[in-house]
């Protein structure tokens, strides 16, 4: 039993040495959604509190994001989130991509798939009320209709 515990502790210590890149690319304000589209303050706050930690180059990694294997999971979620939409490079998307992204945003926020349930306990500011979800979705529906994105 003692040997098993030592092995487990040893492996845990060793996996801490596996590097994880937590570097955020610099944000060009001429490409960043909030800066170029200029949504209302309430929508900007929702984006920053509930979306930007996985869907931008402005990720704020909490202390627990430096402990393996938790760090691996967080980095995977960030990579996956940026792959789907990265608000920091919004202006690089073409109109079709933006429309598709907005469709996905509307669907995942309405169905409460986003923000991820596992993210909410450590980030209560991302736990959107029904009113916030409605405000957020109404904004994106109107944005999509206007085509001014």
C-alpha atoms as a PDB file:
ATOM      1  CA  UNK A   1       0.000   0.000   0.000  1.00  0.00           C
ATOM      2  CA  UNK A   2       2.809   2.381   0.907  1.00  0.00           C
ATOM      3  CA  UNK A   3       4.593   1.649  -2.391  1.00  0.00           C
ATOM      4  CA  UNK A   4       1.426   2.327  -4.375  1.00  0.00           C
ATOM      5  CA  UNK A   5       0.952   5.638  -2.610  1.00  0.00           C
ATOM      6  CA  UNK A   6       4.575   6.612  -3.295  1.00  0.00           C
ATOM      7  CA  UNK A   7       4.133   5.709  -6.978  1.00  0.00           C
ATOM      8  CA  UNK A   8       0.968   7.771  -7.210  1.00  0.00           C
ATOM      9  CA  UNK A   9       2.614  10.771  -5.528  1.00  0.00           C
ATOM     10  CA  UNK A  10       5.703  10.350  -7.724  1.00  0.00           C
ATOM     11  CA  UNK A  11       3.659  10.217 -10.913  1.00  0.00           C
ATOM     12  CA  UNK A  12       1.622  13.228  -9.798  1.00  0.00           C
ATOM     13  CA  UNK A  13       4.824  15.194  -9.222  1.00  0.00           C
ATOM     14  CA  UNK A  14       6.291  14.101 -12.558  1.00  0.00           C
ATOM     15  CA  UNK A  15       3.242  15.098 -14.585  1.00  0.00           C
ATOM     16  CA  UNK A  16       3.594  18.625 -13.203  1.00  0.00           C
ATOM     17  CA  UNK A  17       6.748  18.874 -15.338  1.00  0.00           C
ATOM     18  CA  UNK A  18       4.828  18.427 -18.598  1.00  0.00           C
ATOM     19  CA  UNK A  19       4.638  21.942 -20.037  1.00  0.00           C
ATOM     20  CA  UNK A  20       1.325  23.490 -21.040  1.00  0.00           C
ATOM     21  CA  UNK A  21       1.363  26.624 -23.182  1.00  0.00           C
ATOM     22  CA  UNK A  22      -0.880  29.183 -21.504  1.00  0.00           C
ATOM     23  CA  UNK A  23       0.383  32.101 -23.554  1.00  0.00           C
ATOM     24  CA  UNK A  24      -2.301  34.324 -25.017  1.00  0.00           C
ATOM     25  CA  UNK A  25      -1.551  35.792 -28.421  1.00  0.00           C
ATOM     26  CA  UNK A  26      -1.561  39.591 -28.412  1.00  0.00           C
ATOM     27  CA  UNK A  27      -5.002  41.042 -29.075  1.00  0.00           C
ATOM     28  CA  UNK A  28      -5.307  43.387 -32.032  1.00  0.00           C
ATOM     29  CA  UNK A  29      -8.147  45.714 -31.033  1.00  0.00           C
ATOM     30  CA  UNK A  30      -8.927  46.186 -34.747  1.00  0.00           C
ATOM     31  CA  UNK A  31      -9.931  42.513 -34.906  1.00  0.00           C
ATOM     32  CA  UNK A  32     -11.549  42.053 -31.475  1.00  0.00           C
ATOM     33  CA  UNK A  33     -15.357  41.685 -31.468  1.00  0.00           C
ATOM     34  CA  UNK A  34     -16.055  43.988 -28.513  1.00  0.00           C
ATOM     35  CA  UNK A  35     -13.838  46.718 -29.944  1.00  0.00           C
ATOM     36  CA  UNK A  36     -15.060  46.681 -33.535  1.00  0.00           C
ATOM     37  CA  UNK A  37     -18.735  45.744 -33.188  1.00  0.00           C
ATOM     38  CA  UNK A  38     -19.196  47.738 -29.967  1.00  0.00           C
ATOM     39  CA  UNK A  39     -22.086  45.816 -28.408  1.00  0.00           C
ATOM     40  CA  UNK A  40     -24.034  47.388 -25.532  1.00  0.00           C
ATOM     41  CA  UNK A  41     -22.239  47.290 -22.181  1.00  0.00           C
ATOM     42  CA  UNK A  42     -24.482  44.518 -20.824  1.00  0.00           C
ATOM     43  CA  UNK A  43     -23.700  42.270 -23.811  1.00  0.00           C
ATOM     44  CA  UNK A  44     -19.980  43.091 -23.569  1.00  0.00           C
ATOM     45  CA  UNK A  45     -20.009  42.093 -19.887  1.00  0.00           C
ATOM     46  CA  UNK A  46     -21.741  38.812 -20.664  1.00  0.00           C
ATOM     47  CA  UNK A  47     -19.193  38.058 -23.389  1.00  0.00           C
ATOM     48  CA  UNK A  48     -16.243  38.886 -21.161  1.00  0.00           C
ATOM     49  CA  UNK A  49     -17.605  37.045 -18.097  1.00  0.00           C
ATOM     50  CA  UNK A  50     -19.064  33.986 -19.803  1.00  0.00           C
ATOM     51  CA  UNK A  51     -17.290  33.566 -23.149  1.00  0.00           C
ATOM     52  CA  UNK A  52     -13.869  35.186 -23.372  1.00  0.00           C
ATOM     53  CA  UNK A  53     -12.100  32.672 -21.098  1.00  0.00           C
ATOM     54  CA  UNK A  54     -12.404  30.011 -23.793  1.00  0.00           C
ATOM     55  CA  UNK A  55     -13.323  31.964 -26.908  1.00  0.00           C
ATOM     56  CA  UNK A  56     -10.669  34.687 -27.091  1.00  0.00           C
ATOM     57  CA  UNK A  57      -6.971  35.420 -26.703  1.00  0.00           C
ATOM     58  CA  UNK A  58      -7.759  37.023 -23.342  1.00  0.00           C
ATOM     59  CA  UNK A  59      -7.960  33.875 -21.236  1.00  0.00           C
ATOM     60  CA  UNK A  60      -7.419  34.425 -17.522  1.00  0.00           C
ATOM     61  CA  UNK A  61      -6.048  31.158 -16.210  1.00  0.00           C
ATOM     62  CA  UNK A  62      -6.977  30.528 -12.562  1.00  0.00           C
ATOM     63  CA  UNK A  63      -4.440  29.070 -10.124  1.00  0.00           C
ATOM     64  CA  UNK A  64      -5.868  25.564 -10.477  1.00  0.00           C
ATOM     65  CA  UNK A  65      -5.106  25.720 -14.217  1.00  0.00           C
ATOM     66  CA  UNK A  66      -1.452  25.186 -13.305  1.00  0.00           C
ATOM     67  CA  UNK A  67      -1.989  21.736 -11.766  1.00  0.00           C
ATOM     68  CA  UNK A  68      -1.871  18.686 -14.024  1.00  0.00           C
ATOM     69  CA  UNK A  69      -4.025  16.908 -15.074  1.00  0.00           C
ATOM     70  CA  UNK A  70      -6.588  19.711 -14.560  1.00  0.00           C
ATOM     71  CA  UNK A  71      -4.390  22.009 -16.662  1.00  0.00           C
ATOM     72  CA  UNK A  72      -4.609  19.593 -19.592  1.00  0.00           C
ATOM     73  CA  UNK A  73      -8.398  19.611 -19.522  1.00  0.00           C
ATOM     74  CA  UNK A  74      -8.576  23.405 -19.297  1.00  0.00           C
ATOM     75  CA  UNK A  75      -6.119  23.860 -22.160  1.00  0.00           C
ATOM     76  CA  UNK A  76      -8.099  21.376 -24.250  1.00  0.00           C
ATOM     77  CA  UNK A  77     -11.324  23.333 -23.611  1.00  0.00           C
ATOM     78  CA  UNK A  78      -9.625  26.634 -24.483  1.00  0.00           C
ATOM     79  CA  UNK A  79      -8.181  25.208 -27.714  1.00  0.00           C
ATOM     80  CA  UNK A  80     -11.551  23.731 -28.646  1.00  0.00           C
ATOM     81  CA  UNK A  81     -13.358  26.969 -27.781  1.00  0.00           C
ATOM     82  CA  UNK A  82     -11.003  29.108 -29.859  1.00  0.00           C
ATOM     83  CA  UNK A  83     -11.380  26.675 -32.743  1.00  0.00           C
ATOM     84  CA  UNK A  84     -15.150  27.209 -32.771  1.00  0.00           C
ATOM     85  CA  UNK A  85     -14.987  30.983 -32.345  1.00  0.00           C
ATOM     86  CA  UNK A  86     -12.258  33.334 -31.248  1.00  0.00           C
ATOM     87  CA  UNK A  87     -13.727  36.763 -30.546  1.00  0.00           C
ATOM     88  CA  UNK A  88     -10.205  38.233 -30.568  1.00  0.00           C
ATOM     89  CA  UNK A  89      -9.945  37.605 -34.318  1.00  0.00           C
ATOM     90  CA  UNK A  90     -13.573  38.376 -35.240  1.00  0.00           C
ATOM     91  CA  UNK A  91     -12.710  40.590 -38.210  1.00  0.00           C
ATOM     92  CA  UNK A  92     -10.781  37.743 -39.853  1.00  0.00           C
ATOM     93  CA  UNK A  93     -13.980  35.732 -40.353  1.00  0.00           C
ATOM     94  CA  UNK A  94     -15.934  36.181 -43.562  1.00  0.00           C
ATOM     95  CA  UNK A  95     -19.684  36.903 -43.594  1.00  0.00           C
ATOM     96  CA  UNK A  96     -20.673  33.240 -43.983  1.00  0.00           C
ATOM     97  CA  UNK A  97     -18.432  32.232 -41.086  1.00  0.00           C
ATOM     98  CA  UNK A  98     -19.845  35.006 -38.896  1.00  0.00           C
ATOM     99  CA  UNK A  99     -23.412  33.963 -39.695  1.00  0.00           C
ATOM    100  CA  UNK A 100     -22.591  30.337 -38.881  1.00  0.00           C
ATOM    101  CA  UNK A 101     -20.868  31.358 -35.644  1.00  0.00           C
ATOM    102  CA  UNK A 102     -23.846  33.478 -34.594  1.00  0.00           C
ATOM    103  CA  UNK A 103     -26.191  30.556 -35.362  1.00  0.00           C
ATOM    104  CA  UNK A 104     -24.041  28.366 -33.098  1.00  0.00           C
ATOM    105  CA  UNK A 105     -23.957  31.028 -30.380  1.00  0.00           C
ATOM    106  CA  UNK A 106     -27.740  31.352 -30.419  1.00  0.00           C
ATOM    107  CA  UNK A 107     -28.268  27.595 -30.316  1.00  0.00           C
ATOM    108  CA  UNK A 108     -25.780  26.857 -27.531  1.00  0.00           C
ATOM    109  CA  UNK A 109     -26.849  29.755 -25.304  1.00  0.00           C
ATOM    110  CA  UNK A 110     -30.570  29.011 -25.748  1.00  0.00           C
ATOM    111  CA  UNK A 111     -30.053  25.307 -25.018  1.00  0.00           C
ATOM    112  CA  UNK A 112     -27.826  26.197 -22.032  1.00  0.00           C
ATOM    113  CA  UNK A 113     -24.930  24.191 -23.460  1.00  0.00           C
ATOM    114  CA  UNK A 114     -22.830  27.308 -22.946  1.00  0.00           C
ATOM    115  CA  UNK A 115     -21.235  28.285 -20.719  1.00  0.00           C
ATOM    116  CA  UNK A 116     -20.149  24.756 -19.889  1.00  0.00           C
ATOM    117  CA  UNK A 117     -21.683  23.417 -16.683  1.00  0.00           C
ATOM    118  CA  UNK A 118     -18.248  22.415 -15.376  1.00  0.00           C
ATOM    119  CA  UNK A 119     -17.041  26.005 -15.776  1.00  0.00           C
ATOM    120  CA  UNK A 120     -19.811  27.578 -13.715  1.00  0.00           C
ATOM    121  CA  UNK A 121     -18.950  26.446 -10.143  1.00  0.00           C
ATOM    122  CA  UNK A 122     -15.569  28.206 -10.273  1.00  0.00           C
ATOM    123  CA  UNK A 123     -16.892  31.143 -12.341  1.00  0.00           C
ATOM    124  CA  UNK A 124     -20.288  32.163 -10.917  1.00  0.00           C
ATOM    125  CA  UNK A 125     -20.202  35.416 -12.928  1.00  0.00           C
ATOM    126  CA  UNK A 126     -20.649  33.253 -16.048  1.00  0.00           C
ATOM    127  CA  UNK A 127     -23.869  31.683 -14.760  1.00  0.00           C
ATOM    128  CA  UNK A 128     -26.344  33.580 -16.917  1.00  0.00           C
ATOM    129  CA  UNK A 129     -29.842  34.417 -15.781  1.00  0.00           C
ATOM    130  CA  UNK A 130     -32.745  33.902 -18.165  1.00  0.00           C
ATOM    131  CA  UNK A 131     -32.885  37.683 -18.647  1.00  0.00           C
ATOM    132  CA  UNK A 132     -29.195  37.773 -19.570  1.00  0.00           C
ATOM    133  CA  UNK A 133     -29.621  34.883 -22.010  1.00  0.00           C
ATOM    134  CA  UNK A 134     -32.531  36.708 -23.629  1.00  0.00           C
ATOM    135  CA  UNK A 135     -30.621  39.994 -23.851  1.00  0.00           C
ATOM    136  CA  UNK A 136     -27.598  38.193 -25.283  1.00  0.00           C
ATOM    137  CA  UNK A 137     -29.589  36.199 -27.850  1.00  0.00           C
ATOM    138  CA  UNK A 138     -31.769  39.163 -28.844  1.00  0.00           C
ATOM    139  CA  UNK A 139     -28.610  41.167 -29.466  1.00  0.00           C
ATOM    140  CA  UNK A 140     -27.041  38.467 -31.659  1.00  0.00           C
ATOM    141  CA  UNK A 141     -30.281  37.902 -33.587  1.00  0.00           C
ATOM    142  CA  UNK A 142     -30.485  41.627 -34.329  1.00  0.00           C
ATOM    143  CA  UNK A 143     -26.798  41.766 -35.194  1.00  0.00           C
ATOM    144  CA  UNK A 144     -27.229  38.905 -37.628  1.00  0.00           C
ATOM    145  CA  UNK A 145     -30.284  40.531 -39.240  1.00  0.00           C
ATOM    146  CA  UNK A 146     -28.476  43.851 -39.644  1.00  0.00           C
ATOM    147  CA  UNK A 147     -25.347  42.259 -41.111  1.00  0.00           C
ATOM    148  CA  UNK A 148     -23.255  44.914 -39.336  1.00  0.00           C
ATOM    149  CA  UNK A 149     -20.768  42.562 -37.831  1.00  0.00           C
END
